[in-house]
C-alpha atoms as a PDB file:
ATOM      1  CA  UNK A   1     -95.639 -73.046  31.629  1.00  0.00           C
ATOM      2  CA  UNK A   2     -96.522 -70.179  34.063  1.00  0.00           C
ATOM      3  CA  UNK A   3     -92.830 -69.941  35.020  1.00  0.00           C
ATOM      4  CA  UNK A   4     -91.900 -69.285  31.323  1.00  0.00           C
ATOM      5  CA  UNK A   5     -95.008 -66.997  30.638  1.00  0.00           C
ATOM      6  CA  UNK A   6     -93.842 -65.006  33.793  1.00  0.00           C
ATOM      7  CA  UNK A   7     -89.965 -64.633  32.399  1.00  0.00           C
ATOM      8  CA  UNK A   8     -91.394 -63.484  29.137  1.00  0.00           C
ATOM      9  CA  UNK A   9     -93.262 -61.036  30.439  1.00  0.00           C
ATOM     10  CA  UNK A  10     -90.649 -59.771  32.780  1.00  0.00           C
ATOM     11  CA  UNK A  11     -88.165 -59.500  29.664  1.00  0.00           C
ATOM     12  CA  UNK A  12     -90.606 -57.571  27.716  1.00  0.00           C
ATOM     13  CA  UNK A  13     -91.355 -55.303  30.656  1.00  0.00           C
ATOM     14  CA  UNK A  14     -87.464 -54.732  30.768  1.00  0.00           C
ATOM     15  CA  UNK A  15     -87.247 -54.131  27.068  1.00  0.00           C
ATOM     16  CA  UNK A  16     -90.153 -51.421  27.083  1.00  0.00           C
ATOM     17  CA  UNK A  17     -88.472 -49.706  30.098  1.00  0.00           C
ATOM     18  CA  UNK A  18     -85.354 -49.812  28.354  1.00  0.00           C
ATOM     19  CA  UNK A  19     -86.656 -48.313  24.932  1.00  0.00           C
ATOM     20  CA  UNK A  20     -88.574 -45.880  26.770  1.00  0.00           C
ATOM     21  CA  UNK A  21     -85.482 -43.648  27.390  1.00  0.00           C
ATOM     22  CA  UNK A  22     -85.372 -42.139  23.815  1.00  0.00           C
ATOM     23  CA  UNK A  23     -88.771 -41.258  23.773  1.00  0.00           C
ATOM     24  CA  UNK A  24     -88.462 -40.079  27.447  1.00  0.00           C
ATOM     25  CA  UNK A  25     -85.520 -38.046  26.841  1.00  0.00           C
ATOM     26  CA  UNK A  26     -86.638 -36.357  23.716  1.00  0.00           C
ATOM     27  CA  UNK A  27     -90.020 -35.119  24.316  1.00  0.00           C
ATOM     28  CA  UNK A  28     -88.739 -33.910  27.726  1.00  0.00           C
ATOM     29  CA  UNK A  29     -85.853 -32.053  26.572  1.00  0.00           C
ATOM     30  CA  UNK A  30     -87.999 -30.827  23.540  1.00  0.00           C
ATOM     31  CA  UNK A  31     -90.640 -29.081  25.537  1.00  0.00           C
ATOM     32  CA  UNK A  32     -88.059 -27.616  28.142  1.00  0.00           C
ATOM     33  CA  UNK A  33     -85.647 -26.076  25.602  1.00  0.00           C
ATOM     34  CA  UNK A  34     -88.243 -24.709  23.249  1.00  0.00           C
ATOM     35  CA  UNK A  35     -90.091 -23.189  26.672  1.00  0.00           C
ATOM     36  CA  UNK A  36     -86.443 -21.809  27.398  1.00  0.00           C
ATOM     37  CA  UNK A  37     -85.846 -20.403  23.593  1.00  0.00           C
ATOM     38  CA  UNK A  38     -89.300 -18.766  23.511  1.00  0.00           C
ATOM     39  CA  UNK A  39     -88.888 -16.895  26.974  1.00  0.00           C
ATOM     40  CA  UNK A  40     -85.217 -15.814  25.487  1.00  0.00           C
ATOM     41  CA  UNK A  41     -86.978 -14.517  22.590  1.00  0.00           C
ATOM     42  CA  UNK A  42     -89.472 -12.616  24.352  1.00  0.00           C
ATOM     43  CA  UNK A  43     -87.336 -11.331  27.214  1.00  0.00           C
ATOM     44  CA  UNK A  44     -84.362 -10.051  24.841  1.00  0.00           C
ATOM     45  CA  UNK A  45     -86.739  -8.881  22.191  1.00  0.00           C
ATOM     46  CA  UNK A  46     -88.010  -5.953  24.294  1.00  0.00           C
ATOM     47  CA  UNK A  47     -84.209  -4.762  25.631  1.00  0.00           C
ATOM     48  CA  UNK A  48     -82.211  -6.012  22.742  1.00  0.00           C
ATOM     49  CA  UNK A  49     -81.349  -2.032  21.789  1.00  0.00           C
ATOM     50  CA  UNK A  50     -80.083  -1.711  25.121  1.00  0.00           C
ATOM     51  CA  UNK A  51     -77.712  -4.700  25.053  1.00  0.00           C
ATOM     52  CA  UNK A  52     -73.740  -4.037  25.390  1.00  0.00           C
ATOM     53  CA  UNK A  53     -71.525  -5.889  23.411  1.00  0.00           C
ATOM     54  CA  UNK A  54     -70.731  -8.149  26.341  1.00  0.00           C
ATOM     55  CA  UNK A  55     -74.692  -8.842  26.748  1.00  0.00           C
ATOM     56  CA  UNK A  56     -74.806  -9.804  23.186  1.00  0.00           C
ATOM     57  CA  UNK A  57     -71.958 -12.132  23.523  1.00  0.00           C
ATOM     58  CA  UNK A  58     -73.783 -13.658  26.432  1.00  0.00           C
ATOM     59  CA  UNK A  59     -76.762 -14.078  24.424  1.00  0.00           C
ATOM     60  CA  UNK A  60     -75.050 -16.319  21.843  1.00  0.00           C
ATOM     61  CA  UNK A  61     -73.156 -18.125  24.582  1.00  0.00           C
ATOM     62  CA  UNK A  62     -76.529 -18.892  26.587  1.00  0.00           C
ATOM     63  CA  UNK A  63     -77.735 -20.041  23.206  1.00  0.00           C
ATOM     64  CA  UNK A  64     -75.048 -22.522  22.543  1.00  0.00           C
ATOM     65  CA  UNK A  65     -75.660 -23.678  25.775  1.00  0.00           C
ATOM     66  CA  UNK A  66     -79.323 -24.435  25.557  1.00  0.00           C
ATOM     67  CA  UNK A  67     -78.526 -26.128  21.931  1.00  0.00           C
ATOM     68  CA  UNK A  68     -75.824 -28.009  23.300  1.00  0.00           C
ATOM     69  CA  UNK A  69     -77.855 -29.420  26.009  1.00  0.00           C
ATOM     70  CA  UNK A  70     -80.495 -30.726  23.490  1.00  0.00           C
ATOM     71  CA  UNK A  71     -77.741 -32.305  21.212  1.00  0.00           C
ATOM     72  CA  UNK A  72     -76.281 -34.149  23.870  1.00  0.00           C
ATOM     73  CA  UNK A  73     -79.240 -35.355  25.578  1.00  0.00           C
ATOM     74  CA  UNK A  74     -80.460 -36.444  21.812  1.00  0.00           C
ATOM     75  CA  UNK A  75     -76.934 -38.313  20.993  1.00  0.00           C
ATOM     76  CA  UNK A  76     -76.928 -40.096  24.304  1.00  0.00           C
ATOM     77  CA  UNK A  77     -80.582 -41.204  23.810  1.00  0.00           C
ATOM     78  CA  UNK A  78     -79.910 -42.257  20.359  1.00  0.00           C
ATOM     79  CA  UNK A  79     -76.473 -44.362  21.222  1.00  0.00           C
ATOM     80  CA  UNK A  80     -77.064 -45.740  24.785  1.00  0.00           C
ATOM     81  CA  UNK A  81     -80.379 -47.491  26.428  1.00  0.00           C
ATOM     82  CA  UNK A  82     -81.262 -47.913  30.135  1.00  0.00           C
ATOM     83  CA  UNK A  83     -83.849 -47.870  32.417  1.00  0.00           C
ATOM     84  CA  UNK A  84     -84.923 -44.077  32.889  1.00  0.00           C
ATOM     85  CA  UNK A  85     -84.947 -43.393  36.929  1.00  0.00           C
ATOM     86  CA  UNK A  86     -85.927 -40.284  38.920  1.00  0.00           C
ATOM     87  CA  UNK A  87     -82.711 -38.530  38.257  1.00  0.00           C
ATOM     88  CA  UNK A  88     -83.374 -38.716  34.402  1.00  0.00           C
ATOM     89  CA  UNK A  89     -86.572 -36.561  34.997  1.00  0.00           C
ATOM     90  CA  UNK A  90     -85.534 -34.127  37.459  1.00  0.00           C
ATOM     91  CA  UNK A  91     -82.209 -33.230  35.609  1.00  0.00           C
ATOM     92  CA  UNK A  92     -83.590 -31.717  32.609  1.00  0.00           C
ATOM     93  CA  UNK A  93     -85.979 -29.600  34.636  1.00  0.00           C
ATOM     94  CA  UNK A  94     -83.082 -28.343  36.617  1.00  0.00           C
ATOM     95  CA  UNK A  95     -81.216 -27.567  33.560  1.00  0.00           C
ATOM     96  CA  UNK A  96     -84.350 -25.678  32.077  1.00  0.00           C
ATOM     97  CA  UNK A  97     -84.752 -23.562  35.342  1.00  0.00           C
ATOM     98  CA  UNK A  98     -80.664 -22.466  35.188  1.00  0.00           C
ATOM     99  CA  UNK A  99     -81.012 -21.666  31.826  1.00  0.00           C
ATOM    100  CA  UNK A 100     -84.067 -19.443  32.164  1.00  0.00           C
ATOM    101  CA  UNK A 101     -82.516 -17.570  35.037  1.00  0.00           C
ATOM    102  CA  UNK A 102     -79.356 -17.170  32.813  1.00  0.00           C
ATOM    103  CA  UNK A 103     -81.105 -15.582  30.169  1.00  0.00           C
ATOM    104  CA  UNK A 104     -83.390 -13.333  32.684  1.00  0.00           C
ATOM    105  CA  UNK A 105     -79.642 -11.854  34.026  1.00  0.00           C
ATOM    106  CA  UNK A 106     -78.689 -10.957  30.650  1.00  0.00           C
ATOM    107  CA  UNK A 107     -78.642  -7.319  30.567  1.00  0.00           C
ATOM    108  CA  UNK A 108     -78.685  -6.882  34.118  1.00  0.00           C
ATOM    109  CA  UNK A 109     -75.989  -8.298  36.120  1.00  0.00           C
ATOM    110  CA  UNK A 110     -72.904 -10.482  34.355  1.00  0.00           C
ATOM    111  CA  UNK A 111     -72.073 -11.376  38.085  1.00  0.00           C
ATOM    112  CA  UNK A 112     -75.267 -13.484  38.445  1.00  0.00           C
ATOM    113  CA  UNK A 113     -74.933 -14.855  35.013  1.00  0.00           C
ATOM    114  CA  UNK A 114     -71.889 -16.543  36.185  1.00  0.00           C
ATOM    115  CA  UNK A 115     -73.251 -17.746  38.954  1.00  0.00           C
ATOM    116  CA  UNK A 116     -75.847 -19.846  37.249  1.00  0.00           C
ATOM    117  CA  UNK A 117     -73.234 -20.660  34.186  1.00  0.00           C
ATOM    118  CA  UNK A 118     -71.553 -22.335  37.320  1.00  0.00           C
ATOM    119  CA  UNK A 119     -74.482 -24.079  38.097  1.00  0.00           C
ATOM    120  CA  UNK A 120     -75.203 -25.034  34.493  1.00  0.00           C
ATOM    121  CA  UNK A 121     -71.353 -26.423  34.453  1.00  0.00           C
ATOM    122  CA  UNK A 122     -72.132 -28.445  37.415  1.00  0.00           C
ATOM    123  CA  UNK A 123     -75.416 -30.051  36.104  1.00  0.00           C
ATOM    124  CA  UNK A 124     -73.609 -30.768  33.102  1.00  0.00           C
ATOM    125  CA  UNK A 125     -71.346 -32.949  35.288  1.00  0.00           C
ATOM    126  CA  UNK A 126     -74.090 -34.623  37.067  1.00  0.00           C
ATOM    127  CA  UNK A 127     -75.950 -35.366  34.019  1.00  0.00           C
ATOM    128  CA  UNK A 128     -72.751 -37.197  32.272  1.00  0.00           C
ATOM    129  CA  UNK A 129     -72.186 -39.323  35.469  1.00  0.00           C
ATOM    130  CA  UNK A 130     -75.648 -40.258  35.501  1.00  0.00           C
ATOM    131  CA  UNK A 131     -75.674 -41.148  31.839  1.00  0.00           C
ATOM    132  CA  UNK A 132     -72.891 -43.272  31.851  1.00  0.00           C
ATOM    133  CA  UNK A 133     -73.280 -44.804  34.783  1.00  0.00           C
ATOM    134  CA  UNK A 134     -76.980 -45.775  34.173  1.00  0.00           C
ATOM    135  CA  UNK A 135     -75.742 -47.022  30.415  1.00  0.00           C
ATOM    136  CA  UNK A 136     -73.197 -48.749  32.168  1.00  0.00           C
ATOM    137  CA  UNK A 137     -75.514 -51.007  33.776  1.00  0.00           C
ATOM    138  CA  UNK A 138     -76.714 -52.395  30.775  1.00  0.00           C
ATOM    139  CA  UNK A 139     -74.720 -54.952  28.786  1.00  0.00           C
ATOM    140  CA  UNK A 140     -75.770 -53.526  25.536  1.00  0.00           C
ATOM    141  CA  UNK A 141     -73.713 -50.401  25.842  1.00  0.00           C
ATOM    142  CA  UNK A 142     -70.535 -52.021  26.950  1.00  0.00           C
ATOM    143  CA  UNK A 143     -69.080 -52.077  23.375  1.00  0.00           C
ATOM    144  CA  UNK A 144     -69.606 -48.329  22.720  1.00  0.00           C
ATOM    145  CA  UNK A 145     -68.631 -47.157  26.155  1.00  0.00           C
ATOM    146  CA  UNK A 146     -65.174 -48.896  25.877  1.00  0.00           C
ATOM    147  CA  UNK A 147     -64.701 -47.443  22.355  1.00  0.00           C
ATOM    148  CA  UNK A 148     -65.574 -43.644  23.597  1.00  0.00           C
ATOM    149  CA  UNK A 149     -63.539 -43.524  26.951  1.00  0.00           C
ATOM    150  CA  UNK A 150     -61.480 -41.030  26.387  1.00  0.00           C
ATOM    151  CA  UNK A 151     -64.610 -38.837  25.409  1.00  0.00           C
ATOM    152  CA  UNK A 152     -66.034 -39.797  28.874  1.00  0.00           C
ATOM    153  CA  UNK A 153     -62.923 -38.633  30.634  1.00  0.00           C
ATOM    154  CA  UNK A 154     -62.904 -35.141  28.356  1.00  0.00           C
ATOM    155  CA  UNK A 155     -66.723 -34.776  29.301  1.00  0.00           C
ATOM    156  CA  UNK A 156     -65.811 -35.356  33.001  1.00  0.00           C
ATOM    157  CA  UNK A 157     -62.538 -33.035  32.975  1.00  0.00           C
ATOM    158  CA  UNK A 158     -64.020 -30.163  30.811  1.00  0.00           C
ATOM    159  CA  UNK A 159     -67.241 -29.792  32.837  1.00  0.00           C
ATOM    160  CA  UNK A 160     -64.904 -29.670  35.945  1.00  0.00           C
ATOM    161  CA  UNK A 161     -62.945 -26.794  34.396  1.00  0.00           C
ATOM    162  CA  UNK A 162     -66.066 -24.936  33.146  1.00  0.00           C
ATOM    163  CA  UNK A 163     -67.313 -24.881  36.953  1.00  0.00           C
ATOM    164  CA  UNK A 164     -63.994 -23.349  37.973  1.00  0.00           C
ATOM    165  CA  UNK A 165     -63.656 -21.106  34.922  1.00  0.00           C
ATOM    166  CA  UNK A 166     -67.189 -19.602  35.654  1.00  0.00           C
ATOM    167  CA  UNK A 167     -66.569 -19.395  39.443  1.00  0.00           C
ATOM    168  CA  UNK A 168     -63.215 -17.510  38.720  1.00  0.00           C
ATOM    169  CA  UNK A 169     -65.352 -14.883  36.577  1.00  0.00           C
ATOM    170  CA  UNK A 170     -67.945 -14.628  38.705  1.00  0.00           C
ATOM    171  CA  UNK A 171     -65.291 -13.596  41.346  1.00  0.00           C
ATOM    172  CA  UNK A 172     -63.419 -11.376  38.871  1.00  0.00           C
ATOM    173  CA  UNK A 173     -66.874  -9.829  37.670  1.00  0.00           C
ATOM    174  CA  UNK A 174     -67.562  -8.414  41.191  1.00  0.00           C
ATOM    175  CA  UNK A 175     -64.361  -6.550  41.401  1.00  0.00           C
ATOM    176  CA  UNK A 176     -64.908  -2.688  40.885  1.00  0.00           C
ATOM    177  CA  UNK A 177     -63.233  -0.785  38.047  1.00  0.00           C
ATOM    178  CA  UNK A 178     -63.820   2.515  36.570  1.00  0.00           C
ATOM    179  CA  UNK A 179     -66.220   2.658  33.887  1.00  0.00           C
ATOM    180  CA  UNK A 180     -63.765   2.236  30.835  1.00  0.00           C
ATOM    181  CA  UNK A 181     -62.274  -0.963  32.812  1.00  0.00           C
ATOM    182  CA  UNK A 182     -65.634  -2.531  33.658  1.00  0.00           C
ATOM    183  CA  UNK A 183     -66.546  -2.126  30.036  1.00  0.00           C
ATOM    184  CA  UNK A 184     -63.372  -4.275  28.825  1.00  0.00           C
ATOM    185  CA  UNK A 185     -63.590  -6.696  31.558  1.00  0.00           C
ATOM    186  CA  UNK A 186     -67.284  -7.571  30.692  1.00  0.00           C
ATOM    187  CA  UNK A 187     -66.520  -8.214  27.202  1.00  0.00           C
ATOM    188  CA  UNK A 188     -62.882 -10.058  28.141  1.00  0.00           C
ATOM    189  CA  UNK A 189     -65.427 -12.356  30.258  1.00  0.00           C
ATOM    190  CA  UNK A 190     -67.786 -12.740  27.829  1.00  0.00           C
ATOM    191  CA  UNK A 191     -65.377 -13.771  25.011  1.00  0.00           C
ATOM    192  CA  UNK A 192     -63.978 -16.283  27.567  1.00  0.00           C
ATOM    193  CA  UNK A 193     -67.121 -17.828  28.238  1.00  0.00           C
ATOM    194  CA  UNK A 194     -68.006 -17.883  24.621  1.00  0.00           C
ATOM    195  CA  UNK A 195     -64.747 -19.420  23.946  1.00  0.00           C
ATOM    196  CA  UNK A 196     -65.140 -21.933  26.450  1.00  0.00           C
ATOM    197  CA  UNK A 197     -68.690 -23.045  25.100  1.00  0.00           C
ATOM    198  CA  UNK A 198     -67.228 -23.048  21.156  1.00  0.00           C
ATOM    199  CA  UNK A 199     -64.750 -25.606  22.605  1.00  0.00           C
ATOM    200  CA  UNK A 200     -67.171 -27.605  24.194  1.00  0.00           C
ATOM    201  CA  UNK A 201     -69.182 -27.721  20.845  1.00  0.00           C
ATOM    202  CA  UNK A 202     -66.081 -29.008  19.028  1.00  0.00           C
ATOM    203  CA  UNK A 203     -65.686 -31.625  21.498  1.00  0.00           C
ATOM    204  CA  UNK A 204     -69.396 -32.876  20.792  1.00  0.00           C
ATOM    205  CA  UNK A 205     -68.792 -32.925  17.190  1.00  0.00           C
ATOM    206  CA  UNK A 206     -65.508 -34.860  17.625  1.00  0.00           C
ATOM    207  CA  UNK A 207     -67.548 -37.365  19.625  1.00  0.00           C
ATOM    208  CA  UNK A 208     -70.659 -37.729  17.433  1.00  0.00           C
ATOM    209  CA  UNK A 209     -67.912 -38.281  14.386  1.00  0.00           C
ATOM    210  CA  UNK A 210     -66.457 -40.802  16.448  1.00  0.00           C
ATOM    211  CA  UNK A 211     -69.650 -42.695  17.329  1.00  0.00           C
ATOM    212  CA  UNK A 212     -70.932 -42.480  13.946  1.00  0.00           C
ATOM    213  CA  UNK A 213     -67.754 -44.144  12.654  1.00  0.00           C
ATOM    214  CA  UNK A 214     -68.054 -47.013  15.196  1.00  0.00           C
ATOM    215  CA  UNK A 215     -71.663 -47.575  13.577  1.00  0.00           C
ATOM    216  CA  UNK A 216     -70.594 -47.560  10.447  1.00  0.00           C
ATOM    217  CA  UNK A 217     -67.899 -50.467  10.874  1.00  0.00           C
ATOM    218  CA  UNK A 218     -68.554 -53.668   9.274  1.00  0.00           C
END
């Protein structure tokens, strides 16, 4: 009887740990991303009139990054379940710190923004690897993971490509030009960054559509 009770207790504890991931992530990311948005409004409002066209594009790109992080975590927490580990706590905070530094750099030096954008892309890759590997340890996730293999590969490839793109932009942004070329270069790099994030958002919409279609299958 004691062995049966112990096994029931173990199963119940494992179930609680599994289902704590959704609450764990949504609460943590809501707080962190809310802080980033609040800081962004406070920091950029005072110098909005001094922002260049490139700076405004960086504002939009950074906003998309913040929104995408929350959306990806929300989707991951809703679709997959696993026992949260230490990495599941530290990665969201690293995202928040990086995003705050990106916001702070807008209107000052785009070279700095690209450095943190590259860090952001690295964190995104780490977050995906952590999520898929953690989810893969639970049999209940096997069906969905198998059906979205192509999107898992795309996520890995896109994050790696983003790291390369932002590092190259960082190097190009440090090259000295005359005033006119400098402004044109900044706008071009800002547009490239925004385009990169827009493509990533489209990828997210397609992945979400695929997951919803899987869930609705009879």
